[in-house]
N, C-alpha and C. Protein backbone atom coordinates (compact mmCIF):
# COMPACT_ATOMS: atom_id res chain seq x y z
N MET A 1 58.62 26.38 -38.39
CA MET A 1 58.01 25.04 -38.24
C MET A 1 57.74 24.76 -36.77
N PHE A 2 56.68 23.94 -36.55
CA PHE A 2 56.37 23.53 -35.19
C PHE A 2 57.33 22.46 -34.76
N ASN A 3 57.76 22.52 -33.50
CA ASN A 3 58.51 21.39 -32.98
C ASN A 3 57.53 20.34 -32.45
N ILE A 4 58.04 19.21 -31.97
CA ILE A 4 57.19 18.10 -31.52
C ILE A 4 56.26 18.54 -30.39
N ASN A 5 56.80 19.32 -29.45
CA ASN A 5 56.00 19.75 -28.31
C ASN A 5 54.82 20.61 -28.75
N HIS A 6 55.07 21.50 -29.73
CA HIS A 6 53.99 22.34 -30.23
C HIS A 6 52.92 21.50 -30.93
N LYS A 7 53.37 20.48 -31.70
CA LYS A 7 52.42 19.63 -32.40
C LYS A 7 51.57 18.83 -31.42
N MET A 8 52.20 18.33 -30.36
CA MET A 8 51.47 17.56 -29.36
C MET A 8 50.46 18.43 -28.63
N ALA A 9 50.86 19.68 -28.33
CA ALA A 9 49.95 20.60 -27.64
C ALA A 9 48.76 20.92 -28.53
N LEU A 10 49.02 21.13 -29.85
CA LEU A 10 47.94 21.43 -30.78
C LEU A 10 46.99 20.24 -30.91
N LEU A 11 47.56 19.03 -30.98
CA LEU A 11 46.73 17.82 -31.06
C LEU A 11 45.84 17.69 -29.83
N TYR A 12 46.43 17.94 -28.65
CA TYR A 12 45.66 17.85 -27.41
C TYR A 12 44.53 18.89 -27.40
N LEU A 13 44.83 20.10 -27.89
CA LEU A 13 43.81 21.15 -27.94
C LEU A 13 42.67 20.76 -28.86
N CYS A 14 43.00 20.17 -30.01
CA CYS A 14 41.95 19.74 -30.95
C CYS A 14 41.06 18.67 -30.35
N ILE A 15 41.69 17.72 -29.66
CA ILE A 15 40.91 16.64 -29.03
C ILE A 15 39.96 17.22 -27.99
N MET A 16 40.47 18.18 -27.19
CA MET A 16 39.63 18.79 -26.17
C MET A 16 38.47 19.57 -26.80
N MET A 17 38.74 20.24 -27.92
CA MET A 17 37.68 20.98 -28.58
C MET A 17 36.62 20.05 -29.13
N LEU A 18 37.04 18.92 -29.71
CA LEU A 18 36.08 17.96 -30.26
C LEU A 18 35.24 17.31 -29.17
N SER A 19 35.81 17.18 -27.99
CA SER A 19 35.05 16.57 -26.89
C SER A 19 34.24 17.60 -26.11
N GLY A 20 34.28 18.83 -26.58
CA GLY A 20 33.48 19.88 -25.95
C GLY A 20 34.23 20.68 -24.92
N CYS A 21 35.51 20.37 -24.71
CA CYS A 21 36.31 21.10 -23.72
C CYS A 21 35.55 21.22 -22.41
N SER A 22 34.88 20.17 -22.01
CA SER A 22 34.02 20.25 -20.83
C SER A 22 34.04 18.94 -20.09
N ASN A 23 33.85 19.01 -18.79
CA ASN A 23 33.72 17.81 -17.97
C ASN A 23 32.27 17.44 -17.74
N ASN A 24 31.34 18.20 -18.37
CA ASN A 24 29.93 17.90 -18.18
C ASN A 24 29.59 16.54 -18.75
N LYS A 25 28.85 15.74 -17.98
CA LYS A 25 28.41 14.43 -18.42
C LYS A 25 26.94 14.50 -18.77
N PRO A 26 26.50 13.65 -19.73
CA PRO A 26 25.07 13.65 -20.06
C PRO A 26 24.25 13.22 -18.86
N GLU A 27 23.03 13.74 -18.80
CA GLU A 27 22.14 13.40 -17.69
C GLU A 27 21.83 11.91 -17.70
N ALA A 28 21.84 11.32 -16.51
CA ALA A 28 21.43 9.93 -16.39
C ALA A 28 19.94 9.83 -16.61
N THR A 29 19.52 8.73 -17.21
CA THR A 29 18.09 8.53 -17.44
C THR A 29 17.38 8.29 -16.12
N GLY A 30 16.23 8.90 -15.96
CA GLY A 30 15.44 8.71 -14.74
C GLY A 30 14.72 7.39 -14.73
N SER A 31 14.08 7.09 -13.62
CA SER A 31 13.28 5.88 -13.48
C SER A 31 11.80 6.22 -13.59
N VAL A 32 11.00 5.21 -13.93
CA VAL A 32 9.55 5.38 -14.06
C VAL A 32 8.84 4.32 -13.23
N ILE A 33 7.90 4.77 -12.41
CA ILE A 33 7.02 3.86 -11.67
C ILE A 33 5.64 3.96 -12.29
N ILE A 34 5.09 2.82 -12.69
CA ILE A 34 3.73 2.77 -13.23
C ILE A 34 2.81 2.15 -12.19
N LEU A 35 1.82 2.92 -11.72
CA LEU A 35 0.79 2.41 -10.82
C LEU A 35 -0.44 2.11 -11.67
N ASN A 36 -0.70 0.84 -11.94
CA ASN A 36 -1.83 0.49 -12.79
C ASN A 36 -2.93 -0.19 -11.97
N GLY A 37 -4.16 0.28 -12.18
CA GLY A 37 -5.28 -0.32 -11.49
C GLY A 37 -6.55 0.43 -11.82
N PRO A 38 -7.69 -0.08 -11.38
CA PRO A 38 -8.97 0.56 -11.71
C PRO A 38 -9.16 1.89 -10.99
N SER A 39 -10.14 2.61 -11.43
CA SER A 39 -10.53 3.85 -10.76
C SER A 39 -10.90 3.56 -9.31
N ALA A 40 -10.60 4.50 -8.43
CA ALA A 40 -10.97 4.45 -7.00
C ALA A 40 -10.20 3.42 -6.19
N VAL A 41 -9.12 2.87 -6.74
CA VAL A 41 -8.35 1.88 -6.00
C VAL A 41 -7.31 2.53 -5.07
N GLY A 42 -7.03 3.84 -5.27
CA GLY A 42 -6.11 4.54 -4.39
C GLY A 42 -4.79 4.95 -5.00
N LYS A 43 -4.67 4.91 -6.32
CA LYS A 43 -3.40 5.19 -6.98
C LYS A 43 -2.91 6.63 -6.74
N SER A 44 -3.82 7.60 -6.85
CA SER A 44 -3.40 9.00 -6.68
C SER A 44 -2.91 9.27 -5.27
N SER A 45 -3.53 8.63 -4.27
CA SER A 45 -3.08 8.80 -2.88
C SER A 45 -1.71 8.16 -2.67
N ILE A 46 -1.47 7.02 -3.33
CA ILE A 46 -0.16 6.37 -3.25
C ILE A 46 0.90 7.26 -3.89
N MET A 47 0.57 7.83 -5.04
CA MET A 47 1.50 8.72 -5.72
C MET A 47 1.91 9.88 -4.83
N LYS A 48 0.94 10.53 -4.22
CA LYS A 48 1.23 11.69 -3.37
C LYS A 48 2.07 11.29 -2.15
N ALA A 49 1.75 10.14 -1.56
CA ALA A 49 2.51 9.68 -0.40
C ALA A 49 3.96 9.38 -0.80
N PHE A 50 4.13 8.75 -1.96
CA PHE A 50 5.49 8.43 -2.44
C PHE A 50 6.27 9.70 -2.72
N GLN A 51 5.66 10.65 -3.41
CA GLN A 51 6.35 11.90 -3.73
C GLN A 51 6.77 12.65 -2.47
N ALA A 52 5.92 12.61 -1.44
CA ALA A 52 6.21 13.34 -0.20
C ALA A 52 7.41 12.77 0.54
N LYS A 53 7.73 11.52 0.30
CA LYS A 53 8.83 10.86 1.00
C LYS A 53 10.18 11.01 0.29
N GLN A 54 10.18 11.61 -0.89
CA GLN A 54 11.40 11.70 -1.68
C GLN A 54 12.17 12.99 -1.41
N GLN A 55 13.49 12.88 -1.41
CA GLN A 55 14.33 14.06 -1.21
C GLN A 55 14.50 14.86 -2.51
N SER A 56 14.35 14.19 -3.64
CA SER A 56 14.39 14.87 -4.94
C SER A 56 13.03 14.66 -5.61
N PRO A 57 12.66 15.54 -6.53
CA PRO A 57 11.30 15.46 -7.08
C PRO A 57 11.06 14.26 -7.98
N TRP A 58 9.92 13.64 -7.79
CA TRP A 58 9.37 12.65 -8.72
C TRP A 58 8.16 13.32 -9.37
N LEU A 59 8.16 13.37 -10.69
CA LEU A 59 7.09 14.03 -11.41
C LEU A 59 5.86 13.13 -11.48
N GLY A 60 4.70 13.69 -11.21
CA GLY A 60 3.46 12.93 -11.23
C GLY A 60 2.71 13.12 -12.54
N ILE A 61 2.54 12.02 -13.27
CA ILE A 61 1.84 12.03 -14.55
C ILE A 61 0.71 11.01 -14.48
N GLY A 62 -0.38 11.27 -15.19
CA GLY A 62 -1.45 10.29 -15.18
C GLY A 62 -2.54 10.57 -16.18
N ILE A 63 -3.51 9.67 -16.19
CA ILE A 63 -4.65 9.79 -17.08
C ILE A 63 -5.36 11.13 -16.89
N ASP A 64 -5.46 11.59 -15.64
CA ASP A 64 -6.21 12.82 -15.38
C ASP A 64 -5.55 14.05 -15.99
N ASN A 65 -4.22 14.17 -15.82
CA ASN A 65 -3.58 15.41 -16.29
C ASN A 65 -2.96 15.30 -17.69
N PHE A 66 -2.68 14.09 -18.18
CA PHE A 66 -2.06 13.95 -19.49
C PHE A 66 -3.01 13.35 -20.54
N PHE A 67 -4.26 13.13 -20.15
CA PHE A 67 -5.26 12.68 -21.11
C PHE A 67 -6.51 13.55 -20.99
N VAL A 68 -7.30 13.32 -19.95
CA VAL A 68 -8.53 14.10 -19.77
C VAL A 68 -8.22 15.59 -19.63
N GLY A 69 -7.17 15.94 -18.89
CA GLY A 69 -6.83 17.33 -18.64
C GLY A 69 -6.40 18.10 -19.87
N LEU A 70 -6.06 17.39 -20.95
CA LEU A 70 -5.61 18.05 -22.18
C LEU A 70 -6.74 18.27 -23.18
N ILE A 71 -7.86 17.60 -22.96
CA ILE A 71 -8.95 17.61 -23.93
C ILE A 71 -9.93 18.75 -23.61
N PRO A 72 -10.36 19.50 -24.60
CA PRO A 72 -11.41 20.50 -24.35
C PRO A 72 -12.63 19.83 -23.70
N PRO A 73 -13.19 20.42 -22.65
CA PRO A 73 -14.25 19.77 -21.88
C PRO A 73 -15.44 19.27 -22.69
N LYS A 74 -15.77 19.94 -23.78
CA LYS A 74 -16.96 19.53 -24.54
C LYS A 74 -16.85 18.09 -25.04
N PHE A 75 -15.63 17.60 -25.22
CA PHE A 75 -15.45 16.25 -25.76
C PHE A 75 -15.78 15.15 -24.76
N TYR A 76 -15.82 15.50 -23.46
CA TYR A 76 -16.25 14.48 -22.49
C TYR A 76 -17.50 14.89 -21.70
N LEU A 77 -17.90 16.14 -21.81
CA LEU A 77 -19.11 16.58 -21.12
C LEU A 77 -20.35 16.48 -22.00
N GLU A 78 -20.14 16.56 -23.31
CA GLU A 78 -21.26 16.48 -24.25
C GLU A 78 -21.19 15.15 -25.01
N ASP A 79 -22.20 14.33 -24.83
CA ASP A 79 -22.22 13.03 -25.49
C ASP A 79 -22.79 13.16 -26.90
N LYS A 80 -21.92 13.54 -27.82
CA LYS A 80 -22.31 13.68 -29.22
C LYS A 80 -21.53 12.67 -30.06
N PRO A 81 -22.13 12.12 -31.08
CA PRO A 81 -21.45 11.12 -31.92
C PRO A 81 -20.09 11.58 -32.44
N GLU A 82 -20.00 12.86 -32.80
CA GLU A 82 -18.73 13.36 -33.34
C GLU A 82 -17.62 13.42 -32.29
N HIS A 83 -17.99 13.33 -31.01
CA HIS A 83 -16.99 13.34 -29.94
C HIS A 83 -16.48 11.94 -29.61
N HIS A 84 -17.13 10.91 -30.16
CA HIS A 84 -16.76 9.53 -29.83
C HIS A 84 -15.38 9.14 -30.37
N VAL A 85 -14.85 9.94 -31.30
CA VAL A 85 -13.50 9.65 -31.79
C VAL A 85 -12.48 9.87 -30.69
N ILE A 86 -12.83 10.67 -29.67
CA ILE A 86 -11.97 10.85 -28.50
C ILE A 86 -12.30 9.78 -27.47
N MET A 87 -13.49 9.83 -26.93
CA MET A 87 -13.95 8.82 -25.98
C MET A 87 -15.43 9.02 -25.72
N HIS A 88 -16.06 7.98 -25.20
CA HIS A 88 -17.45 8.10 -24.77
C HIS A 88 -17.75 7.01 -23.76
N GLY A 89 -18.67 7.31 -22.87
CA GLY A 89 -19.05 6.35 -21.85
C GLY A 89 -20.42 5.76 -22.13
N VAL A 90 -20.58 4.50 -21.73
CA VAL A 90 -21.86 3.82 -21.92
C VAL A 90 -22.33 3.30 -20.57
N ALA A 91 -23.49 3.77 -20.12
CA ALA A 91 -24.06 3.34 -18.84
C ALA A 91 -25.03 2.19 -19.07
N THR A 92 -24.82 1.09 -18.34
CA THR A 92 -25.70 -0.07 -18.43
C THR A 92 -25.88 -0.63 -17.02
N GLU A 93 -26.63 -1.70 -16.93
CA GLU A 93 -26.80 -2.42 -15.67
C GLU A 93 -26.75 -3.91 -15.95
N ASP A 94 -26.26 -4.66 -14.98
CA ASP A 94 -26.32 -6.12 -15.06
C ASP A 94 -26.88 -6.64 -13.74
N ALA A 95 -26.74 -7.93 -13.50
CA ALA A 95 -27.32 -8.55 -12.30
C ALA A 95 -26.69 -8.02 -11.03
N HIS A 96 -25.49 -7.44 -11.13
CA HIS A 96 -24.77 -6.95 -9.95
C HIS A 96 -24.92 -5.45 -9.72
N GLY A 97 -25.56 -4.76 -10.66
CA GLY A 97 -25.75 -3.33 -10.48
C GLY A 97 -25.31 -2.51 -11.67
N LYS A 98 -24.97 -1.25 -11.42
CA LYS A 98 -24.63 -0.32 -12.48
C LYS A 98 -23.24 -0.59 -13.06
N LEU A 99 -23.13 -0.31 -14.36
CA LEU A 99 -21.85 -0.37 -15.06
C LEU A 99 -21.69 0.91 -15.87
N PHE A 100 -20.47 1.43 -15.88
CA PHE A 100 -20.18 2.58 -16.75
C PHE A 100 -18.88 2.27 -17.47
N THR A 101 -18.98 1.98 -18.76
CA THR A 101 -17.82 1.55 -19.54
C THR A 101 -17.33 2.70 -20.41
N LEU A 102 -16.05 3.02 -20.27
CA LEU A 102 -15.45 4.09 -21.07
C LEU A 102 -14.78 3.48 -22.29
N HIS A 103 -15.15 3.97 -23.47
CA HIS A 103 -14.55 3.55 -24.73
C HIS A 103 -13.68 4.67 -25.26
N VAL A 104 -12.45 4.37 -25.58
CA VAL A 104 -11.52 5.37 -26.11
C VAL A 104 -11.46 5.19 -27.63
N GLY A 105 -11.71 6.26 -28.37
CA GLY A 105 -11.72 6.21 -29.82
C GLY A 105 -10.35 6.42 -30.43
N PRO A 106 -10.25 6.40 -31.76
CA PRO A 106 -8.94 6.51 -32.43
C PRO A 106 -8.18 7.80 -32.11
N GLU A 107 -8.90 8.92 -32.01
CA GLU A 107 -8.21 10.17 -31.66
C GLU A 107 -7.76 10.15 -30.20
N GLY A 108 -8.55 9.53 -29.34
CA GLY A 108 -8.14 9.38 -27.94
C GLY A 108 -6.92 8.51 -27.80
N ASN A 109 -6.85 7.45 -28.61
CA ASN A 109 -5.68 6.56 -28.56
C ASN A 109 -4.41 7.27 -29.02
N LYS A 110 -4.56 8.22 -29.93
CA LYS A 110 -3.40 9.03 -30.34
C LYS A 110 -2.88 9.85 -29.17
N ILE A 111 -3.80 10.38 -28.37
CA ILE A 111 -3.39 11.15 -27.19
C ILE A 111 -2.65 10.26 -26.20
N ILE A 112 -3.15 9.04 -26.01
CA ILE A 112 -2.49 8.10 -25.09
C ILE A 112 -1.09 7.76 -25.59
N LYS A 113 -0.93 7.55 -26.88
CA LYS A 113 0.41 7.29 -27.43
C LYS A 113 1.35 8.47 -27.15
N GLY A 114 0.80 9.68 -27.28
CA GLY A 114 1.60 10.86 -26.94
C GLY A 114 1.96 10.90 -25.47
N MET A 115 1.03 10.50 -24.61
CA MET A 115 1.32 10.44 -23.18
C MET A 115 2.45 9.47 -22.89
N HIS A 116 2.41 8.31 -23.53
CA HIS A 116 3.49 7.32 -23.34
C HIS A 116 4.84 7.90 -23.75
N GLN A 117 4.86 8.59 -24.90
CA GLN A 117 6.11 9.20 -25.36
C GLN A 117 6.57 10.32 -24.42
N ALA A 118 5.61 11.06 -23.86
CA ALA A 118 5.96 12.14 -22.94
C ALA A 118 6.58 11.59 -21.66
N ILE A 119 6.02 10.50 -21.14
CA ILE A 119 6.59 9.85 -19.95
C ILE A 119 8.04 9.47 -20.23
N ALA A 120 8.27 8.85 -21.39
CA ALA A 120 9.63 8.44 -21.75
C ALA A 120 10.55 9.64 -21.91
N ALA A 121 10.04 10.71 -22.51
CA ALA A 121 10.86 11.91 -22.73
C ALA A 121 11.30 12.53 -21.40
N TYR A 122 10.38 12.61 -20.45
CA TYR A 122 10.75 13.14 -19.13
C TYR A 122 11.85 12.29 -18.50
N ALA A 123 11.70 10.97 -18.58
CA ALA A 123 12.70 10.08 -17.98
C ALA A 123 14.04 10.20 -18.69
N ARG A 124 14.02 10.28 -20.01
CA ARG A 124 15.28 10.35 -20.77
C ARG A 124 15.98 11.69 -20.57
N ALA A 125 15.23 12.69 -20.12
CA ALA A 125 15.83 13.99 -19.79
C ALA A 125 16.42 13.99 -18.38
N GLY A 126 16.31 12.84 -17.68
CA GLY A 126 16.91 12.74 -16.35
C GLY A 126 15.94 12.85 -15.20
N ASN A 127 14.64 12.90 -15.49
CA ASN A 127 13.63 13.04 -14.44
C ASN A 127 13.10 11.68 -14.00
N ASN A 128 12.83 11.56 -12.70
CA ASN A 128 12.10 10.40 -12.18
C ASN A 128 10.61 10.69 -12.29
N VAL A 129 9.84 9.68 -12.69
CA VAL A 129 8.42 9.87 -12.97
C VAL A 129 7.60 8.77 -12.30
N ILE A 130 6.48 9.14 -11.70
CA ILE A 130 5.53 8.17 -11.16
C ILE A 130 4.19 8.42 -11.86
N VAL A 131 3.57 7.35 -12.34
CA VAL A 131 2.43 7.46 -13.24
C VAL A 131 1.20 6.79 -12.63
N ASP A 132 0.10 7.54 -12.59
CA ASP A 132 -1.22 7.03 -12.19
C ASP A 132 -1.90 6.56 -13.47
N TYR A 133 -1.98 5.23 -13.66
CA TYR A 133 -2.34 4.67 -14.96
C TYR A 133 -3.58 3.78 -14.85
N ILE A 134 -4.40 3.83 -15.87
CA ILE A 134 -5.52 2.89 -16.01
C ILE A 134 -5.47 2.36 -17.44
N MET A 135 -5.27 1.07 -17.59
CA MET A 135 -5.21 0.49 -18.94
C MET A 135 -6.63 0.23 -19.44
N TYR A 136 -7.18 1.20 -20.14
CA TYR A 136 -8.54 1.05 -20.68
C TYR A 136 -8.57 0.12 -21.89
N GLU A 137 -7.50 0.14 -22.67
CA GLU A 137 -7.45 -0.66 -23.89
C GLU A 137 -6.24 -1.61 -23.82
N PRO A 138 -6.42 -2.90 -24.17
CA PRO A 138 -5.30 -3.86 -24.10
C PRO A 138 -4.08 -3.45 -24.91
N ALA A 139 -4.30 -2.77 -26.05
CA ALA A 139 -3.18 -2.39 -26.91
C ALA A 139 -2.27 -1.35 -26.27
N TRP A 140 -2.76 -0.69 -25.23
CA TRP A 140 -1.94 0.34 -24.59
C TRP A 140 -0.67 -0.23 -23.98
N LEU A 141 -0.75 -1.45 -23.46
CA LEU A 141 0.40 -2.02 -22.73
C LEU A 141 1.61 -2.15 -23.65
N ALA A 142 1.41 -2.72 -24.84
CA ALA A 142 2.54 -2.90 -25.76
C ALA A 142 3.12 -1.56 -26.18
N ASP A 143 2.25 -0.57 -26.40
CA ASP A 143 2.74 0.75 -26.80
C ASP A 143 3.53 1.41 -25.68
N LEU A 144 3.05 1.25 -24.44
CA LEU A 144 3.77 1.79 -23.28
C LEU A 144 5.13 1.13 -23.13
N GLN A 145 5.17 -0.19 -23.26
CA GLN A 145 6.44 -0.91 -23.15
C GLN A 145 7.42 -0.49 -24.23
N LYS A 146 6.92 -0.29 -25.44
CA LYS A 146 7.77 0.16 -26.54
C LYS A 146 8.35 1.54 -26.26
N ALA A 147 7.51 2.44 -25.76
CA ALA A 147 7.95 3.81 -25.48
C ALA A 147 9.01 3.85 -24.39
N LEU A 148 8.89 2.95 -23.40
CA LEU A 148 9.78 2.97 -22.24
C LEU A 148 10.97 2.01 -22.37
N LYS A 149 11.17 1.46 -23.54
CA LYS A 149 12.28 0.53 -23.74
C LYS A 149 13.61 1.20 -23.40
N GLY A 150 14.42 0.52 -22.60
CA GLY A 150 15.73 1.05 -22.21
C GLY A 150 15.70 1.91 -20.97
N ILE A 151 14.52 2.14 -20.42
CA ILE A 151 14.36 2.95 -19.20
C ILE A 151 14.06 2.02 -18.03
N ASN A 152 14.59 2.35 -16.87
CA ASN A 152 14.30 1.55 -15.67
C ASN A 152 12.85 1.79 -15.25
N VAL A 153 12.03 0.73 -15.34
CA VAL A 153 10.60 0.85 -15.06
C VAL A 153 10.23 -0.11 -13.94
N ILE A 154 9.47 0.38 -12.97
CA ILE A 154 8.91 -0.44 -11.90
C ILE A 154 7.40 -0.45 -12.07
N THR A 155 6.84 -1.62 -12.33
CA THR A 155 5.39 -1.71 -12.51
C THR A 155 4.74 -2.20 -11.23
N VAL A 156 3.69 -1.51 -10.82
CA VAL A 156 2.99 -1.83 -9.58
C VAL A 156 1.51 -2.03 -9.89
N GLY A 157 1.03 -3.23 -9.66
CA GLY A 157 -0.39 -3.51 -9.81
C GLY A 157 -1.12 -3.13 -8.53
N VAL A 158 -2.07 -2.23 -8.63
CA VAL A 158 -2.79 -1.75 -7.46
C VAL A 158 -4.22 -2.30 -7.51
N THR A 159 -4.58 -3.05 -6.48
CA THR A 159 -5.89 -3.68 -6.46
C THR A 159 -6.53 -3.57 -5.08
N ALA A 160 -7.77 -3.96 -5.01
CA ALA A 160 -8.52 -4.03 -3.75
C ALA A 160 -9.76 -4.85 -4.06
N SER A 161 -10.50 -5.23 -3.02
CA SER A 161 -11.73 -5.96 -3.27
C SER A 161 -12.71 -5.06 -4.01
N LEU A 162 -13.58 -5.66 -4.82
CA LEU A 162 -14.56 -4.87 -5.55
C LEU A 162 -15.48 -4.11 -4.61
N THR A 163 -15.80 -4.72 -3.47
CA THR A 163 -16.64 -4.05 -2.47
C THR A 163 -16.00 -2.76 -1.98
N THR A 164 -14.71 -2.83 -1.68
CA THR A 164 -13.98 -1.64 -1.22
C THR A 164 -13.95 -0.56 -2.28
N ILE A 165 -13.64 -0.95 -3.51
CA ILE A 165 -13.54 0.02 -4.60
C ILE A 165 -14.87 0.69 -4.86
N GLU A 166 -15.95 -0.09 -4.87
CA GLU A 166 -17.26 0.50 -5.13
C GLU A 166 -17.69 1.45 -4.02
N GLN A 167 -17.31 1.14 -2.77
CA GLN A 167 -17.62 2.04 -1.67
C GLN A 167 -16.84 3.34 -1.80
N ARG A 168 -15.57 3.24 -2.17
CA ARG A 168 -14.76 4.44 -2.39
C ARG A 168 -15.32 5.27 -3.54
N GLU A 169 -15.78 4.59 -4.57
CA GLU A 169 -16.35 5.28 -5.73
C GLU A 169 -17.57 6.11 -5.33
N LYS A 170 -18.42 5.53 -4.49
CA LYS A 170 -19.60 6.26 -4.01
C LYS A 170 -19.20 7.44 -3.12
N THR A 171 -18.21 7.22 -2.26
CA THR A 171 -17.78 8.27 -1.34
C THR A 171 -17.13 9.44 -2.08
N ARG A 172 -16.28 9.11 -3.04
CA ARG A 172 -15.57 10.15 -3.80
C ARG A 172 -16.50 10.93 -4.71
N ALA A 173 -17.39 10.20 -5.36
CA ALA A 173 -18.34 10.81 -6.30
C ALA A 173 -17.66 11.63 -7.40
N THR A 174 -16.47 11.19 -7.82
CA THR A 174 -15.75 11.89 -8.89
C THR A 174 -15.85 11.15 -10.23
N SER A 175 -16.41 9.96 -10.22
CA SER A 175 -16.63 9.22 -11.46
C SER A 175 -17.96 8.48 -11.36
N PRO A 176 -18.55 8.14 -12.48
CA PRO A 176 -19.86 7.49 -12.46
C PRO A 176 -19.81 6.14 -11.74
N GLN A 177 -20.88 5.82 -11.04
CA GLN A 177 -20.96 4.52 -10.38
C GLN A 177 -20.91 3.41 -11.42
N GLY A 178 -20.14 2.40 -11.14
CA GLY A 178 -19.98 1.29 -12.06
C GLY A 178 -18.77 1.42 -12.96
N HIS A 179 -18.08 2.56 -12.88
CA HIS A 179 -16.89 2.77 -13.71
C HIS A 179 -15.78 1.80 -13.31
N ALA A 180 -15.49 1.71 -12.02
CA ALA A 180 -14.41 0.84 -11.56
C ALA A 180 -14.72 -0.63 -11.87
N ARG A 181 -15.97 -1.03 -11.69
CA ARG A 181 -16.32 -2.44 -11.91
C ARG A 181 -16.22 -2.81 -13.37
N SER A 182 -16.43 -1.84 -14.26
CA SER A 182 -16.40 -2.13 -15.69
C SER A 182 -15.03 -2.60 -16.17
N LEU A 183 -13.97 -2.24 -15.45
CA LEU A 183 -12.63 -2.65 -15.87
C LEU A 183 -11.86 -3.34 -14.73
N TYR A 184 -12.59 -3.78 -13.72
CA TYR A 184 -11.96 -4.34 -12.53
C TYR A 184 -11.02 -5.50 -12.86
N GLU A 185 -11.42 -6.39 -13.76
CA GLU A 185 -10.58 -7.54 -14.13
C GLU A 185 -9.65 -7.19 -15.29
N ASN A 186 -10.18 -6.59 -16.33
CA ASN A 186 -9.41 -6.41 -17.56
C ASN A 186 -8.22 -5.47 -17.41
N VAL A 187 -8.27 -4.56 -16.46
CA VAL A 187 -7.20 -3.57 -16.32
C VAL A 187 -5.84 -4.21 -16.03
N HIS A 188 -5.84 -5.43 -15.48
CA HIS A 188 -4.58 -6.09 -15.13
C HIS A 188 -4.13 -7.13 -16.15
N HIS A 189 -4.92 -7.38 -17.18
CA HIS A 189 -4.57 -8.43 -18.15
C HIS A 189 -3.28 -8.12 -18.90
N GLY A 190 -2.38 -9.10 -18.93
CA GLY A 190 -1.15 -8.97 -19.70
C GLY A 190 0.03 -8.39 -18.94
N TRP A 191 -0.21 -7.90 -17.73
CA TRP A 191 0.87 -7.28 -16.96
C TRP A 191 1.66 -8.32 -16.17
N ASN A 192 2.95 -8.12 -16.11
CA ASN A 192 3.83 -8.94 -15.26
C ASN A 192 4.47 -7.98 -14.26
N TYR A 193 3.79 -7.77 -13.14
CA TYR A 193 4.15 -6.70 -12.21
C TYR A 193 5.41 -7.01 -11.41
N ASP A 194 6.15 -5.95 -11.10
CA ASP A 194 7.25 -6.06 -10.14
C ASP A 194 6.69 -6.14 -8.72
N LEU A 195 5.60 -5.44 -8.48
CA LEU A 195 4.91 -5.47 -7.18
C LEU A 195 3.42 -5.50 -7.44
N LYS A 196 2.69 -6.25 -6.62
CA LYS A 196 1.23 -6.19 -6.67
C LYS A 196 0.74 -5.94 -5.25
N ILE A 197 -0.06 -4.89 -5.10
CA ILE A 197 -0.43 -4.43 -3.76
C ILE A 197 -1.94 -4.32 -3.64
N ASP A 198 -2.48 -4.92 -2.58
CA ASP A 198 -3.89 -4.84 -2.25
C ASP A 198 -4.08 -3.70 -1.26
N THR A 199 -4.92 -2.73 -1.60
CA THR A 199 -5.08 -1.53 -0.76
C THR A 199 -6.21 -1.65 0.26
N ASP A 200 -6.78 -2.85 0.40
CA ASP A 200 -7.90 -3.01 1.34
C ASP A 200 -7.53 -2.62 2.77
N ASN A 201 -6.38 -3.10 3.24
CA ASN A 201 -6.02 -2.94 4.66
C ASN A 201 -4.64 -2.34 4.86
N ILE A 202 -4.24 -1.48 3.95
CA ILE A 202 -2.92 -0.86 4.06
C ILE A 202 -3.04 0.58 3.58
N THR A 203 -2.32 1.48 4.23
CA THR A 203 -2.44 2.90 3.93
C THR A 203 -1.53 3.30 2.76
N PRO A 204 -1.83 4.43 2.11
CA PRO A 204 -0.93 4.92 1.06
C PRO A 204 0.50 5.11 1.53
N ASP A 205 0.68 5.59 2.76
CA ASP A 205 2.03 5.75 3.32
C ASP A 205 2.77 4.42 3.39
N GLN A 206 2.08 3.39 3.84
CA GLN A 206 2.69 2.07 3.94
C GLN A 206 3.02 1.50 2.56
N ILE A 207 2.14 1.75 1.60
CA ILE A 207 2.40 1.28 0.24
C ILE A 207 3.60 2.01 -0.36
N ALA A 208 3.68 3.32 -0.11
CA ALA A 208 4.84 4.09 -0.59
C ALA A 208 6.13 3.52 -0.02
N ASP A 209 6.10 3.13 1.25
CA ASP A 209 7.28 2.52 1.88
C ASP A 209 7.65 1.19 1.22
N LEU A 210 6.65 0.40 0.84
CA LEU A 210 6.91 -0.87 0.16
C LEU A 210 7.57 -0.63 -1.20
N ILE A 211 7.12 0.39 -1.91
CA ILE A 211 7.73 0.70 -3.21
C ILE A 211 9.16 1.18 -3.03
N ILE A 212 9.38 2.03 -2.04
CA ILE A 212 10.74 2.52 -1.74
C ILE A 212 11.65 1.35 -1.36
N GLU A 213 11.14 0.44 -0.56
CA GLU A 213 11.92 -0.74 -0.17
C GLU A 213 12.27 -1.59 -1.40
N HIS A 214 11.32 -1.76 -2.28
CA HIS A 214 11.57 -2.55 -3.52
C HIS A 214 12.65 -1.89 -4.36
N ILE A 215 12.57 -0.57 -4.51
CA ILE A 215 13.57 0.15 -5.30
C ILE A 215 14.95 -0.03 -4.68
N GLY A 216 15.03 0.09 -3.35
CA GLY A 216 16.32 -0.07 -2.66
C GLY A 216 16.92 -1.45 -2.83
N LYS A 217 16.07 -2.46 -2.76
CA LYS A 217 16.57 -3.84 -2.89
C LYS A 217 17.05 -4.14 -4.31
N ASN A 218 16.47 -3.49 -5.29
CA ASN A 218 16.78 -3.80 -6.69
C ASN A 218 17.66 -2.76 -7.36
N LYS A 219 18.18 -1.83 -6.58
CA LYS A 219 19.04 -0.79 -7.15
C LYS A 219 20.30 -1.40 -7.71
N GLY A 220 20.61 -1.04 -8.94
CA GLY A 220 21.83 -1.54 -9.58
C GLY A 220 21.69 -2.87 -10.26
N LYS A 221 20.52 -3.50 -10.16
CA LYS A 221 20.33 -4.80 -10.82
C LYS A 221 20.07 -4.61 -12.31
C-alpha cells in the first residue's frame, strides 16, 4: 500500500501532468492599429514610418495586399459584368471634375470579411498589426469591430485637404483620378477615432511619433 507521502507525490504528479508539466504561458494578444482614410492621403507612408521605429515587428496588412493582391488580375483589369461580383469602378464627372467610384460586390465583400478575420487571427496569435484601411462600404465598420472584439485596437483617422489629396493622386498615378474624391467624406462616417491626423503639414515620421506617444500614454488602460 502507498503511504501518505507516496499518495501526495502521485497527486502532485497528476496535477502537473494535467497542467501540461510546463511553465509556458499562452501568447498575449497583440494590438491592432487601423489607419483609415481615402486613397492618396498617406497611410502607407505612415505605416512604413511606424514599422521602422519599432524594436519588434508590426505586421503590415491592408487593402492592397489582403484584398486586391489576392484577386486574379482579370477581375479588376477587365471590366466585364461577370467580374462585378468582386468589384468594379465607375468613371463619371461632376461640376468639380473627375470621379472614379469603386463598388465592391458580394464576392468582394466576402474577401473583406476574411481580411477582417485574418487581422484578428494575427493579433490573437500574439502579433502586433498595423492596417492600411479604406472603408469603401459602410457595413465594413461593424464587421471589422465584431472581428476585433476583445483585442486592443487603436483607430486613426487619416485626412488631408481635398486639394492636397488630389495633387498626390496625380503625382502618384497609381489610381484613377477622382478615386480619392469619390470617398473623401464617406470613408470616415461612423468612426469614433482614438486619433485623427491631418497629413497636410506633417510628415509620416512625425505622425508615427504621435501614434507611438498615444500608445505610451494609454498603455495599460
